[in-house]
């Protein structure tokens, strides 16, 4: 079974909102899903995203494939960076503390804290 992380459309006509879900690739777009990871609203400025990062990273580590739009959302929120750092920890290139430190440096630079 191939698992994808994709958007599930909700909302009114001409005012869509989306849930970010993990689903079987054979399931319909708005059909059955395995787990909800968050939501995405493209109508706010900038588009707002609510995301459970830990669950998203764990699904990526298990081999779930994100769609292009979800990949873009994950990239902007640092999920792909966190996955990359955790793979480095697994291979022994980094320690957990170093990966957390690198992620925090990126997060502060991104959000100008």
N, C-alpha and C. Protein backbone atom coordinates (compact mmCIF):
# COMPACT_ATOMS: atom_id res chain seq x y z
N UNK A 1 0.84 -1.18 0.00
CA UNK A 1 0.00 0.00 0.00
C UNK A 1 0.89 1.24 0.00
N UNK A 2 0.67 2.12 -0.96
CA UNK A 2 1.41 3.37 -1.07
C UNK A 2 0.66 4.45 -0.29
N UNK A 3 1.39 5.16 0.55
CA UNK A 3 0.78 6.19 1.39
C UNK A 3 1.25 7.56 0.93
N UNK A 4 0.31 8.50 0.81
CA UNK A 4 0.61 9.87 0.40
C UNK A 4 0.17 10.84 1.48
N UNK A 5 0.87 11.94 1.56
CA UNK A 5 0.44 13.07 2.40
C UNK A 5 -0.08 14.11 1.42
N UNK A 6 -1.35 14.45 1.54
CA UNK A 6 -1.96 15.34 0.56
C UNK A 6 -3.01 16.24 1.20
N UNK A 7 -3.62 17.11 0.39
CA UNK A 7 -4.63 18.03 0.86
C UNK A 7 -6.01 17.45 0.63
N UNK A 8 -6.88 17.62 1.62
CA UNK A 8 -8.29 17.23 1.52
C UNK A 8 -9.10 18.51 1.55
N UNK A 9 -9.88 18.75 0.50
CA UNK A 9 -10.61 20.01 0.37
C UNK A 9 -11.84 20.03 1.27
N UNK A 10 -12.01 21.14 1.99
CA UNK A 10 -13.22 21.39 2.77
C UNK A 10 -13.61 22.84 2.54
N UNK A 11 -14.74 23.26 3.03
CA UNK A 11 -15.15 24.65 2.91
C UNK A 11 -16.23 24.84 1.88
N UNK A 12 -16.66 26.12 1.76
CA UNK A 12 -17.73 26.46 0.83
C UNK A 12 -17.22 26.55 -0.61
N UNK A 13 -18.16 26.69 -1.52
CA UNK A 13 -17.83 26.88 -2.92
C UNK A 13 -17.09 28.21 -3.05
N UNK A 14 -16.00 28.22 -3.79
CA UNK A 14 -15.14 29.38 -4.02
C UNK A 14 -14.40 29.85 -2.78
N UNK A 15 -14.50 29.17 -1.65
CA UNK A 15 -13.75 29.50 -0.44
C UNK A 15 -13.19 28.22 0.19
N UNK A 16 -12.28 27.58 -0.52
CA UNK A 16 -11.77 26.31 0.00
C UNK A 16 -10.81 26.48 1.17
N UNK A 17 -10.82 25.51 2.05
CA UNK A 17 -9.82 25.31 3.07
C UNK A 17 -9.38 23.87 2.89
N UNK A 18 -8.25 23.53 3.45
CA UNK A 18 -7.74 22.19 3.24
C UNK A 18 -7.25 21.58 4.55
N UNK A 19 -7.47 20.28 4.70
CA UNK A 19 -6.85 19.51 5.77
C UNK A 19 -5.65 18.79 5.15
N UNK A 20 -4.55 18.76 5.87
CA UNK A 20 -3.38 18.00 5.43
C UNK A 20 -3.53 16.61 6.05
N UNK A 21 -3.67 15.60 5.19
CA UNK A 21 -3.97 14.25 5.68
C UNK A 21 -3.00 13.23 5.09
N UNK A 22 -2.90 12.11 5.80
CA UNK A 22 -2.17 10.94 5.31
C UNK A 22 -3.22 9.97 4.81
N UNK A 23 -3.11 9.56 3.54
CA UNK A 23 -4.12 8.69 2.95
C UNK A 23 -3.48 7.68 2.01
N UNK A 24 -4.20 6.59 1.81
CA UNK A 24 -3.82 5.61 0.80
C UNK A 24 -3.89 6.30 -0.56
N UNK A 25 -2.93 6.06 -1.42
CA UNK A 25 -2.89 6.75 -2.71
C UNK A 25 -4.08 6.41 -3.60
N UNK A 26 -4.75 5.28 -3.33
CA UNK A 26 -5.90 4.87 -4.14
C UNK A 26 -7.20 5.50 -3.67
N UNK A 27 -7.21 6.11 -2.48
CA UNK A 27 -8.43 6.71 -1.94
C UNK A 27 -8.75 8.01 -2.68
N UNK A 28 -10.03 8.37 -2.80
CA UNK A 28 -10.38 9.64 -3.45
C UNK A 28 -9.91 10.85 -2.65
N UNK A 29 -9.82 12.00 -3.32
CA UNK A 29 -9.28 13.21 -2.70
C UNK A 29 -9.95 13.57 -1.38
N UNK A 30 -11.28 13.56 -1.37
CA UNK A 30 -12.01 13.95 -0.16
C UNK A 30 -12.54 12.74 0.59
N UNK A 31 -11.99 11.57 0.33
CA UNK A 31 -12.49 10.34 0.93
C UNK A 31 -11.77 9.96 2.21
N UNK A 32 -11.67 8.67 2.40
CA UNK A 32 -11.11 8.08 3.60
C UNK A 32 -9.62 8.43 3.75
N UNK A 33 -9.21 8.72 5.00
CA UNK A 33 -7.81 9.00 5.26
C UNK A 33 -7.37 8.30 6.53
N UNK A 34 -6.06 8.21 6.74
CA UNK A 34 -5.50 7.50 7.88
C UNK A 34 -5.36 8.42 9.08
N UNK A 35 -4.79 9.62 8.87
CA UNK A 35 -4.56 10.55 9.97
C UNK A 35 -4.55 11.99 9.46
N UNK A 36 -5.09 12.91 10.26
CA UNK A 36 -5.07 14.33 9.94
C UNK A 36 -3.84 14.95 10.60
N UNK A 37 -3.02 15.64 9.81
CA UNK A 37 -1.79 16.25 10.31
C UNK A 37 -1.94 17.74 10.59
N UNK A 38 -2.92 18.38 9.97
CA UNK A 38 -3.08 19.81 10.18
C UNK A 38 -4.06 20.40 9.19
N UNK A 39 -4.02 21.73 9.06
CA UNK A 39 -4.90 22.40 8.12
C UNK A 39 -4.15 23.53 7.43
N UNK A 40 -4.69 23.96 6.28
CA UNK A 40 -4.08 24.99 5.45
C UNK A 40 -5.18 25.89 4.92
N UNK A 41 -5.04 27.20 5.15
CA UNK A 41 -6.03 28.17 4.67
C UNK A 41 -5.33 29.14 3.73
N UNK A 42 -5.57 29.03 2.40
CA UNK A 42 -4.90 29.91 1.45
C UNK A 42 -5.50 31.31 1.35
N UNK A 43 -6.61 31.59 2.03
CA UNK A 43 -7.29 32.87 1.90
C UNK A 43 -6.77 33.94 2.83
N UNK A 44 -5.99 33.59 3.83
CA UNK A 44 -5.42 34.60 4.70
C UNK A 44 -4.15 35.14 4.06
N UNK A 45 -3.68 36.28 4.54
CA UNK A 45 -2.46 36.85 3.98
C UNK A 45 -1.44 37.03 5.09
N UNK A 46 -0.39 36.27 5.17
CA UNK A 46 0.01 35.13 4.34
C UNK A 46 -0.83 33.90 4.65
N UNK A 47 -0.83 32.91 3.77
CA UNK A 47 -1.63 31.70 4.02
C UNK A 47 -1.27 31.06 5.36
N UNK A 48 -2.28 30.69 6.13
CA UNK A 48 -2.04 30.15 7.47
C UNK A 48 -2.00 28.63 7.44
N UNK A 49 -1.12 28.11 8.26
CA UNK A 49 -0.94 26.66 8.35
C UNK A 49 -0.88 26.26 9.81
N UNK A 50 -1.68 25.27 10.18
CA UNK A 50 -1.61 24.64 11.50
C UNK A 50 -1.13 23.22 11.25
N UNK A 51 -0.04 22.82 11.91
CA UNK A 51 0.59 21.57 11.55
C UNK A 51 1.15 20.87 12.78
N UNK A 52 0.93 19.56 12.87
CA UNK A 52 1.54 18.74 13.91
C UNK A 52 2.86 18.23 13.32
N UNK A 53 3.94 18.94 13.65
CA UNK A 53 5.23 18.65 13.02
C UNK A 53 5.77 17.27 13.37
N UNK A 54 5.60 16.85 14.61
CA UNK A 54 6.13 15.54 15.02
C UNK A 54 5.50 14.40 14.23
N UNK A 55 4.18 14.45 14.07
CA UNK A 55 3.51 13.39 13.30
C UNK A 55 3.89 13.46 11.83
N UNK A 56 4.03 14.67 11.29
CA UNK A 56 4.41 14.82 9.89
C UNK A 56 5.80 14.22 9.64
N UNK A 57 6.74 14.52 10.53
CA UNK A 57 8.10 13.99 10.37
C UNK A 57 8.10 12.47 10.50
N UNK A 58 7.32 11.95 11.46
CA UNK A 58 7.30 10.50 11.63
C UNK A 58 6.72 9.80 10.40
N UNK A 59 5.69 10.38 9.76
CA UNK A 59 5.14 9.77 8.54
C UNK A 59 6.15 9.86 7.39
N UNK A 60 6.88 10.96 7.29
CA UNK A 60 7.91 11.06 6.26
C UNK A 60 9.01 10.05 6.48
N UNK A 61 9.40 9.83 7.74
CA UNK A 61 10.44 8.85 8.05
C UNK A 61 9.98 7.43 7.74
N UNK A 62 8.67 7.19 7.81
CA UNK A 62 8.13 5.86 7.48
C UNK A 62 8.03 5.63 5.98
N UNK A 63 8.17 6.71 5.18
CA UNK A 63 8.16 6.54 3.73
C UNK A 63 6.96 7.13 3.02
N UNK A 64 6.12 7.89 3.69
CA UNK A 64 4.98 8.52 3.03
C UNK A 64 5.49 9.60 2.08
N UNK A 65 4.88 9.68 0.90
CA UNK A 65 5.30 10.64 -0.12
C UNK A 65 4.36 11.85 -0.12
N UNK A 66 4.88 13.07 0.09
CA UNK A 66 4.02 14.26 0.03
C UNK A 66 3.79 14.68 -1.42
N UNK A 67 2.63 15.27 -1.68
CA UNK A 67 2.37 15.86 -3.00
C UNK A 67 3.20 17.14 -3.11
N UNK A 68 3.24 17.73 -4.29
CA UNK A 68 4.05 18.93 -4.51
C UNK A 68 3.61 20.09 -3.61
N UNK A 69 2.31 20.30 -3.48
CA UNK A 69 1.81 21.39 -2.64
C UNK A 69 2.14 21.15 -1.18
N UNK A 70 1.95 19.95 -0.71
CA UNK A 70 2.25 19.63 0.69
C UNK A 70 3.75 19.72 0.92
N UNK A 71 4.55 19.31 -0.06
CA UNK A 71 6.00 19.42 0.06
C UNK A 71 6.41 20.88 0.23
N UNK A 72 5.77 21.77 -0.50
CA UNK A 72 6.04 23.20 -0.38
C UNK A 72 5.67 23.72 1.00
N UNK A 73 4.52 23.30 1.51
CA UNK A 73 4.07 23.71 2.85
C UNK A 73 5.05 23.18 3.89
N UNK A 74 5.44 21.92 3.77
CA UNK A 74 6.39 21.33 4.72
C UNK A 74 7.73 22.05 4.67
N UNK A 75 8.18 22.42 3.49
CA UNK A 75 9.46 23.11 3.35
C UNK A 75 9.43 24.46 4.06
N UNK A 76 8.34 25.20 3.90
CA UNK A 76 8.23 26.52 4.53
C UNK A 76 8.13 26.42 6.05
N UNK A 77 7.60 25.30 6.56
CA UNK A 77 7.45 25.14 8.01
C UNK A 77 8.60 24.38 8.66
N UNK A 78 9.56 23.91 7.89
CA UNK A 78 10.73 23.27 8.44
C UNK A 78 10.61 21.78 8.68
N UNK A 79 9.55 21.16 8.20
CA UNK A 79 9.36 19.72 8.40
C UNK A 79 10.41 18.93 7.63
N UNK A 80 10.70 19.35 6.39
CA UNK A 80 11.69 18.64 5.59
C UNK A 80 13.09 18.81 6.16
N UNK A 81 13.39 19.99 6.73
CA UNK A 81 14.68 20.19 7.37
C UNK A 81 14.82 19.29 8.59
N UNK A 82 13.75 19.20 9.38
CA UNK A 82 13.78 18.35 10.56
C UNK A 82 13.99 16.89 10.17
N UNK A 83 13.34 16.45 9.10
CA UNK A 83 13.51 15.07 8.61
C UNK A 83 14.96 14.85 8.17
N UNK A 84 15.51 15.82 7.46
CA UNK A 84 16.89 15.72 6.99
C UNK A 84 17.86 15.62 8.17
N UNK A 85 17.64 16.43 9.20
CA UNK A 85 18.52 16.40 10.37
C UNK A 85 18.39 15.07 11.12
N UNK A 86 17.17 14.54 11.23
CA UNK A 86 16.97 13.26 11.92
C UNK A 86 17.62 12.11 11.16
N UNK A 87 17.63 12.19 9.84
CA UNK A 87 18.34 11.16 9.06
C UNK A 87 19.84 11.24 9.32
N UNK A 88 20.37 12.46 9.50
CA UNK A 88 21.77 12.62 9.86
C UNK A 88 22.08 12.04 11.22
N UNK A 89 21.13 12.18 12.17
CA UNK A 89 21.31 11.59 13.50
C UNK A 89 21.31 10.07 13.39
N UNK A 90 20.40 9.53 12.57
CA UNK A 90 20.32 8.08 12.41
C UNK A 90 21.59 7.51 11.80
N UNK A 91 22.22 8.26 10.88
CA UNK A 91 23.45 7.79 10.24
C UNK A 91 24.69 8.03 11.09
N UNK A 92 24.54 8.84 12.15
CA UNK A 92 25.67 9.09 13.04
C UNK A 92 26.46 10.34 12.69
N UNK A 93 26.01 11.15 11.75
CA UNK A 93 26.72 12.36 11.37
C UNK A 93 26.52 13.48 12.39
N UNK A 94 25.39 13.46 13.09
CA UNK A 94 25.04 14.48 14.07
C UNK A 94 24.58 13.82 15.36
N UNK A 95 24.57 14.60 16.43
CA UNK A 95 23.92 14.16 17.66
C UNK A 95 22.56 14.82 17.72
N UNK A 96 21.69 14.36 18.62
CA UNK A 96 20.37 14.97 18.78
C UNK A 96 20.49 16.44 19.14
N UNK A 97 21.43 16.78 20.03
CA UNK A 97 21.58 18.16 20.47
C UNK A 97 21.99 19.07 19.31
N UNK A 98 22.91 18.58 18.46
CA UNK A 98 23.34 19.36 17.31
C UNK A 98 22.19 19.58 16.33
N UNK A 99 21.36 18.55 16.13
CA UNK A 99 20.24 18.69 15.19
C UNK A 99 19.21 19.68 15.73
N UNK A 100 18.92 19.62 17.04
CA UNK A 100 17.99 20.60 17.63
C UNK A 100 18.54 22.01 17.53
N UNK A 101 19.85 22.15 17.75
CA UNK A 101 20.48 23.47 17.68
C UNK A 101 20.40 24.03 16.26
N UNK A 102 20.69 23.20 15.25
CA UNK A 102 20.62 23.65 13.86
C UNK A 102 19.20 24.03 13.47
N UNK A 103 18.22 23.25 13.94
CA UNK A 103 16.84 23.57 13.62
C UNK A 103 16.43 24.88 14.30
N UNK A 104 16.84 25.10 15.54
CA UNK A 104 16.49 26.34 16.25
C UNK A 104 17.13 27.56 15.59
N UNK A 105 18.37 27.42 15.10
CA UNK A 105 19.03 28.52 14.39
C UNK A 105 18.24 28.86 13.13
N UNK A 106 17.84 27.84 12.37
CA UNK A 106 17.04 28.07 11.16
C UNK A 106 15.71 28.73 11.50
N UNK A 107 15.05 28.25 12.55
CA UNK A 107 13.74 28.77 12.94
C UNK A 107 13.84 30.25 13.34
N UNK A 108 14.87 30.60 14.11
CA UNK A 108 15.04 31.99 14.54
C UNK A 108 15.34 32.89 13.36
N UNK A 109 16.14 32.40 12.41
CA UNK A 109 16.45 33.18 11.23
C UNK A 109 15.20 33.37 10.35
N UNK A 110 14.42 32.31 10.23
CA UNK A 110 13.21 32.35 9.40
C UNK A 110 12.16 33.32 9.97
N UNK A 111 11.98 33.28 11.30
CA UNK A 111 10.96 34.11 11.95
C UNK A 111 11.53 35.37 12.58
N UNK A 112 12.81 35.63 12.37
CA UNK A 112 13.49 36.84 12.84
C UNK A 112 13.24 37.11 14.32
N UNK A 113 13.53 36.09 15.12
CA UNK A 113 13.36 36.21 16.57
C UNK A 113 14.67 36.67 17.19
